[in-house]
Amino acid sequence: MSFHGFPKEGLTFLNHIIVNNSKEWLDAHREEYERFIVTPNKAYVEEMGEHLQILVPTIHAVAKTNHSLFRIYRDARFHLNDPIKTRIGIIFWQGSGHRMQSSSFYMHYDPFEVFVSTGIRNFKPTLLKAYRAYIQNDEKRAELHHILESMKKKGYLIPEAKYKKMPRGCDKEERYSYLYKMGALYAYTTFVPDKTFHSEALIERNFTLYEAMLPLHQWLYELTLHCDTNADICRFRQDSTF
């Protein structure tokens, strides 16, 4: 399946969902959803996956829902009035853990913005514990700091620290101790849906972004190797070599 860009009709479809956010409406427009959203999304996953294998041979690029594609439905328990997503997400991840707790290359789009990122967008408790232990190693903490600074110099954005207080057991006097307060680690950029977004040239543009962000992906992948998120068991060494 060849990727030829995301069609303008797909953004129009998402705009319609904003106004007609119900399962009944989506069911009545299922054919449009498949043609303008699902089909180009699958094509993008397949082609971008082949490109990313150049950078990460073991990358997961699976053009199925709950894999590289996300469900269009929100959790009905919390979204009774807006059960349908108006933003489409696509993810490529590395490792054996849950895709959202693995180092990944990510993109989402809606009618107003395209968001491209690399990293992990939220540390759940198991991974957060492993992360804080991992960066108690001075070299790993310094390496991460310099990677993040490099991302900023390249023009990418980094999330703000999630926590205001220094976590228990972490030393605020250590160099780059601000990293203990992070609750997520990713670099990202945004742009409006433009001519490139609607063409096959999007593959090369996003691949270039992912390639530039690769050092952060690699650092985070090494972190996840020390934490088995499926079994809820963290593994890390308290020495200087890791």
Protein backbone atom coordinates (compact mmCIF):
# COMPACT_ATOMS: atom_id res chain seq x y z
CA MET A 1 0.00 0.00 0.00
CA SER A 2 1.59 3.29 -1.10
CA PHE A 3 1.30 6.45 0.95
CA HIS A 4 0.29 9.55 -1.00
CA GLY A 5 -0.28 11.94 1.87
CA PHE A 6 -3.21 12.47 4.21
CA PRO A 7 -6.21 13.63 2.17
CA LYS A 8 -7.86 16.98 2.86
CA GLU A 9 -11.12 15.08 3.13
CA GLY A 10 -9.76 13.44 6.27
CA LEU A 11 -9.41 16.80 8.03
CA THR A 12 -12.87 17.76 6.84
CA PHE A 13 -14.14 14.51 8.33
CA LEU A 14 -12.52 15.34 11.68
CA ASN A 15 -14.12 18.78 11.56
CA HIS A 16 -17.49 17.11 11.09
CA ILE A 17 -16.86 14.97 14.17
CA ILE A 18 -16.33 18.13 16.23
CA VAL A 19 -19.88 19.15 15.35
CA ASN A 20 -21.43 15.66 15.27
CA ASN A 21 -19.64 13.81 18.04
CA SER A 22 -21.64 10.61 18.46
CA LYS A 23 -21.32 6.92 17.73
CA GLU A 24 -24.48 7.11 15.63
CA TRP A 25 -22.98 9.74 13.35
CA LEU A 26 -19.74 7.78 12.93
CA ASP A 27 -21.64 4.59 12.17
CA ALA A 28 -23.57 6.42 9.47
CA HIS A 29 -20.31 7.68 7.93
CA ARG A 30 -18.23 4.54 8.36
CA GLU A 31 -17.30 4.35 4.67
CA GLU A 32 -15.84 7.87 4.74
CA TYR A 33 -13.95 7.05 7.94
CA GLU A 34 -12.39 3.98 6.36
CA ARG A 35 -11.49 5.80 3.13
CA PHE A 36 -10.20 9.13 4.45
CA ILE A 37 -8.77 8.14 7.85
CA VAL A 38 -8.08 4.42 8.21
CA THR A 39 -6.68 3.69 4.74
CA PRO A 40 -4.13 6.55 4.61
CA ASN A 41 -3.16 5.88 8.24
CA LYS A 42 -2.34 2.26 7.43
CA ALA A 43 -0.37 3.30 4.35
CA TYR A 44 1.60 5.80 6.45
CA VAL A 45 2.42 3.17 9.08
CA GLU A 46 3.67 0.71 6.48
CA GLU A 47 5.86 3.20 4.62
CA MET A 48 7.19 5.08 7.63
CA GLY A 49 7.84 1.75 9.32
CA GLU A 50 10.11 0.72 6.46
CA HIS A 51 12.00 4.01 6.79
CA LEU A 52 12.35 3.74 10.57
CA GLN A 53 13.83 0.26 10.27
CA ILE A 54 16.90 2.01 8.89
CA LEU A 55 17.31 3.76 12.25
CA VAL A 56 15.86 1.06 14.50
CA PRO A 57 15.72 -2.41 12.92
CA THR A 58 13.52 -3.73 15.75
CA ILE A 59 10.92 -0.96 15.57
CA HIS A 60 7.28 -2.02 15.87
CA ALA A 61 5.22 -0.70 12.97
CA VAL A 62 1.93 -2.57 12.94
CA ALA A 63 -0.91 -1.05 10.92
CA LYS A 64 -3.65 -2.28 13.27
CA THR A 65 -5.80 -0.70 15.97
CA ASN A 66 -4.24 -0.89 19.44
CA HIS A 67 -0.84 -1.26 17.82
CA SER A 68 0.49 1.62 15.68
CA LEU A 69 -3.07 2.90 15.28
CA PHE A 70 -5.25 4.16 18.11
CA ARG A 71 -8.93 3.53 18.67
CA ILE A 72 -11.22 6.28 17.40
CA TYR A 73 -13.39 5.91 20.51
CA ARG A 74 -12.60 7.57 23.80
CA ASP A 75 -13.31 5.90 27.13
CA ALA A 76 -17.10 6.20 27.37
CA ARG A 77 -16.94 6.36 31.18
CA PHE A 78 -15.41 9.83 30.96
CA HIS A 79 -16.64 11.08 27.58
CA LEU A 80 -20.39 10.65 27.42
CA ASN A 81 -20.82 13.82 25.37
CA ASP A 82 -17.78 13.44 23.11
CA PRO A 83 -17.08 9.70 22.64
CA ILE A 84 -15.26 10.12 19.31
CA LYS A 85 -11.69 11.42 19.06
CA THR A 86 -11.10 14.43 16.83
CA ARG A 87 -7.33 13.84 16.83
CA ILE A 88 -5.67 10.90 15.09
CA GLY A 89 -2.55 9.36 16.67
CA ILE A 90 0.06 7.03 15.14
CA ILE A 91 2.93 5.41 17.07
CA PHE A 92 6.03 3.31 16.35
CA TRP A 93 7.70 1.82 19.41
CA GLN A 94 10.70 -0.26 20.38
CA GLY A 95 10.83 -2.92 23.04
CA SER A 96 8.64 -5.60 24.59
CA GLY A 97 6.73 -3.36 27.00
CA HIS A 98 3.47 -1.49 26.49
CA ARG A 99 3.68 0.85 23.51
CA MET A 100 2.91 3.92 25.65
CA GLN A 101 5.66 3.03 28.14
CA SER A 102 8.24 2.33 25.44
CA SER A 103 10.53 4.69 23.60
CA SER A 104 8.63 5.64 20.49
CA PHE A 105 8.28 7.81 17.42
CA TYR A 106 4.86 9.44 17.45
CA MET A 107 2.60 11.70 15.42
CA HIS A 108 -0.91 13.00 15.82
CA TYR A 109 -2.93 15.32 13.66
CA ASP A 110 -6.21 17.19 13.70
CA PRO A 111 -7.62 19.91 11.44
CA PHE A 112 -5.39 22.54 13.05
CA GLU A 113 -2.06 20.98 14.00
CA VAL A 114 0.38 18.17 13.29
CA PHE A 115 2.42 17.08 16.33
CA VAL A 116 5.59 15.01 15.79
CA SER A 117 7.59 13.68 18.73
CA THR A 118 10.05 11.10 19.97
CA GLY A 119 10.22 9.71 23.50
CA ILE A 120 7.75 8.73 26.21
CA ARG A 121 4.89 11.12 26.85
CA ASN A 122 4.00 9.98 30.36
CA PHE A 123 5.86 7.88 32.93
CA LYS A 124 3.55 5.58 34.85
CA PRO A 125 4.65 4.71 38.42
CA THR A 126 6.69 1.62 37.49
CA LEU A 127 8.69 3.39 34.81
CA LEU A 128 8.98 6.59 36.85
CA LYS A 129 10.58 4.62 39.68
CA ALA A 130 13.01 2.99 37.28
CA TYR A 131 13.84 6.32 35.63
CA ARG A 132 14.66 8.02 38.92
CA ALA A 133 16.90 5.15 39.97
CA TYR A 134 18.55 5.06 36.55
CA ILE A 135 19.58 8.72 36.62
CA GLN A 136 21.14 8.41 40.05
CA ASN A 137 24.09 7.38 37.95
CA ASP A 138 25.98 10.65 37.29
CA GLU A 139 26.99 9.68 33.76
CA LYS A 140 23.47 8.72 32.70
CA ARG A 141 22.05 11.91 34.16
CA ALA A 142 24.63 14.08 32.43
CA GLU A 143 24.14 12.22 29.16
CA LEU A 144 20.40 12.87 29.29
CA HIS A 145 20.89 16.55 30.10
CA HIS A 146 23.18 17.04 27.12
CA ILE A 147 20.78 15.20 24.81
CA LEU A 148 17.92 17.45 25.90
CA GLU A 149 20.05 20.56 25.43
CA SER A 150 21.00 19.35 21.97
CA MET A 151 17.31 18.86 21.11
CA LYS A 152 16.59 22.44 22.19
CA LYS A 153 19.45 23.82 20.09
CA LYS A 154 17.99 22.03 17.07
CA GLY A 155 14.72 23.85 17.67
CA TYR A 156 12.71 21.07 19.29
CA LEU A 157 10.59 21.56 22.37
CA ILE A 158 10.87 19.61 25.64
CA PRO A 159 8.07 19.24 28.22
CA GLU A 160 8.28 21.14 31.49
CA ALA A 161 9.02 19.32 34.72
CA LYS A 162 5.86 17.67 36.05
CA TYR A 163 6.77 17.75 39.73
CA LYS A 164 7.59 20.84 41.79
CA LYS A 165 9.20 19.09 44.75
CA MET A 166 12.30 16.95 44.68
CA PRO A 167 11.28 13.27 45.01
CA ARG A 168 12.21 11.48 48.21
CA GLY A 169 15.60 9.82 47.98
CA CYS A 170 16.86 12.17 45.23
CA ASP A 171 19.57 14.71 45.98
CA LYS A 172 18.80 18.27 44.86
CA GLU A 173 22.48 19.13 45.18
CA GLU A 174 23.43 16.76 42.38
CA ARG A 175 24.26 18.23 39.02
CA TYR A 176 21.23 18.37 36.68
CA SER A 177 18.98 17.35 39.56
CA TYR A 178 16.04 19.02 37.77
CA LEU A 179 15.76 15.78 35.80
CA TYR A 180 14.35 14.00 38.87
CA LYS A 181 11.23 16.18 38.58
CA MET A 182 10.40 15.08 35.05
CA GLY A 183 7.29 12.98 34.56
CA ALA A 184 7.82 12.47 30.83
CA LEU A 185 10.67 12.74 28.37
CA TYR A 186 10.12 13.59 24.74
CA ALA A 187 11.16 16.11 22.10
CA TYR A 188 8.56 17.50 19.76
CA THR A 189 7.66 20.00 17.09
CA THR A 190 4.39 21.10 15.53
CA PHE A 191 3.23 22.50 12.21
CA VAL A 192 -0.07 23.22 10.52
CA PRO A 193 -1.44 20.70 7.99
CA ASP A 194 0.17 21.99 4.80
CA LYS A 195 0.93 20.90 1.26
CA THR A 196 3.58 18.47 2.48
CA PHE A 197 1.15 16.89 4.95
CA HIS A 198 -1.15 16.11 2.05
CA SER A 199 1.60 14.51 -0.05
CA GLU A 200 4.04 11.59 0.02
CA ALA A 201 6.76 14.13 0.96
CA LEU A 202 5.52 13.90 4.56
CA ILE A 203 7.41 10.64 4.95
CA GLU A 204 10.77 12.29 4.29
CA ARG A 205 9.98 15.30 6.46
CA ASN A 206 8.92 13.25 9.47
CA PHE A 207 11.76 10.78 8.99
CA THR A 208 14.23 13.68 9.09
CA LEU A 209 12.66 14.83 12.37
CA TYR A 210 12.81 11.35 13.87
CA GLU A 211 16.41 10.92 12.79
CA ALA A 212 17.38 14.17 14.51
CA MET A 213 15.62 13.02 17.70
CA LEU A 214 17.19 9.55 17.62
CA PRO A 215 19.66 10.13 20.52
CA LEU A 216 16.75 10.70 22.91
CA HIS A 217 14.98 7.60 21.61
CA GLN A 218 18.10 5.50 22.17
CA TRP A 219 18.63 6.82 25.70
CA LEU A 220 15.06 6.03 26.64
CA TYR A 221 15.19 2.60 25.06
CA GLU A 222 18.18 1.76 27.23
CA LEU A 223 16.15 2.91 30.23
CA THR A 224 13.22 0.64 29.36
CA LEU A 225 15.54 -2.34 29.13
CA HIS A 226 15.88 -1.97 32.90
CA CYS A 227 12.17 -1.99 33.56
CA ASP A 228 9.76 -4.78 32.66
CA THR A 229 6.55 -2.75 32.57
CA ASN A 230 4.36 -5.75 31.73
CA ALA A 231 5.36 -7.73 34.83
CA ASP A 232 5.48 -4.54 36.94
CA ILE A 233 9.05 -5.35 37.95
CA CYS A 234 11.81 -2.76 37.79
CA ARG A 235 15.35 -3.89 37.20
CA PHE A 236 18.25 -1.54 37.67
CA ARG A 237 21.77 -1.72 39.02
CA GLN A 238 23.06 0.61 41.67
CA ASP A 239 26.54 0.80 40.19
CA SER A 240 28.35 3.22 37.91
CA THR A 241 28.30 1.09 34.80
CA PHE A 242 24.60 0.22 34.39
